[in-house]
Amino acid sequence: MTEVAQAVSVLGAGSWGSALALHALRCGHAVSLWTRREDLAQELRAGRNERYLPGVEIPKHIRVETSLEAALEGAQLILLAVPSMAVGELCISIRTLGARKNAAVIGTAKGLERTTGRRLSEVMHDALGEGSRHAQLLGPSHAEEVARGLVTAIVLAGDPALCAELQPFLSSKRFRVYTNEDLAGVEYSAALKNVLAIAAGICDGLGLGDNARGALLTRGIAEIARLGVRLGGKPQTFYGLAGMGDVITTCLSRYSRNRNLGERLGRGEDPAGAQRAIGQVVEGVATTETALELSRRHDVAMPISEAVGSVLFDGVAPREAIESLMQRELRSELEEDWSLGPRRLEL
């Protein structure tokens, strides 16, 4: 679908950054891939990324850089593929280095700023400065499958004009990009589903079966939507690709670090040891803390997130946390407070 080739810079050479670089190359763009680590850069130049994408060939047409300035040279489109905690600092560096005027910066991290609870688009806006062009690319998209060229549908959220401009440059026959102007809803969906993925993993680790998993995902989406709508998102977004789509993908996939962490917890591993064993950032851990702070601040009930938090931070046994959910006061499924004034959404 790409009509004109772009100079694309992908910042971050983990699994998602490497997969995005491969996708951009398939779209016909000139691609640079940046990593801070010289050892990883040498491995990428040799055509592989065994730690993050084992078995996937990295073509030599992808230019690998350890200098951020060199990676940004001439870039028309910049993709941030770093953990949420690094987004603000990296955007300040982009601004300081004077990236190409009118270059669009696309965030891909699924998280919230730990200290403030702000959405990452807000962090990017402050760091990049007034007049910057930025959007968020989020949704059900495991790196391992994008790297192999498997069919994926994803959401580009932000200013409608910018998203419409970038949509064809990011789309291909196997990577379909939808746009959504509900930036808040998309970002809260993407971040909060990681907490739910940990819960789903706990259920699997405990061997609770399909019934429990189906109930958890359904009530989990309702929980995510309750908080997200209170914070400005549109209800329908939480039942779209960035919401329900990503919940299904992340909570059921063997690739998900968050689900993997939860499964380890369900099998009896301690939280710190389980995170060390995974060896990569598990965004859902920090997001659980932030989600609980937001839920208390805005008086939104989030029992599943509270259960996950009790396991991660308070030493509660996973089975005890699940039992506490099952023993909550009985209620109607349709009794949801969407904070929509006189309107009411019945689900």
Foldseek 3Di string as FASTA:
>chain_A
DDDDAFEEFEEDDALQSQLLQLLLVVLVHQYEYEDLDPVQLVVLCVFARCVHANPFGRDNSHHYDNDPLVRQVRGQEYEYDDELQCLLVVLLVCQVSPHDPNREYEYEHQAAHLPPRHFSVVSNDVNNDPPHHYWYKAFADQSNQSSVLAAEEIETEDDPVSCVVCQNSSDDPRYHYHYDPQRLLLNLQRHQLLLLLLLLLLCVLLVVDDVVNVVSLVVSLLQSLQLSLLVPGDSVSLVDGSHSVNSVNQNPDPRHLSSQLSSCLNNPDANVVSVVVSPDDSNNVSRLVSVVVSCVVSVGDDLSSVLSCCRNPVVDRNVVSVVVVVPPDDDDPQPGDSVPPPDGDGD
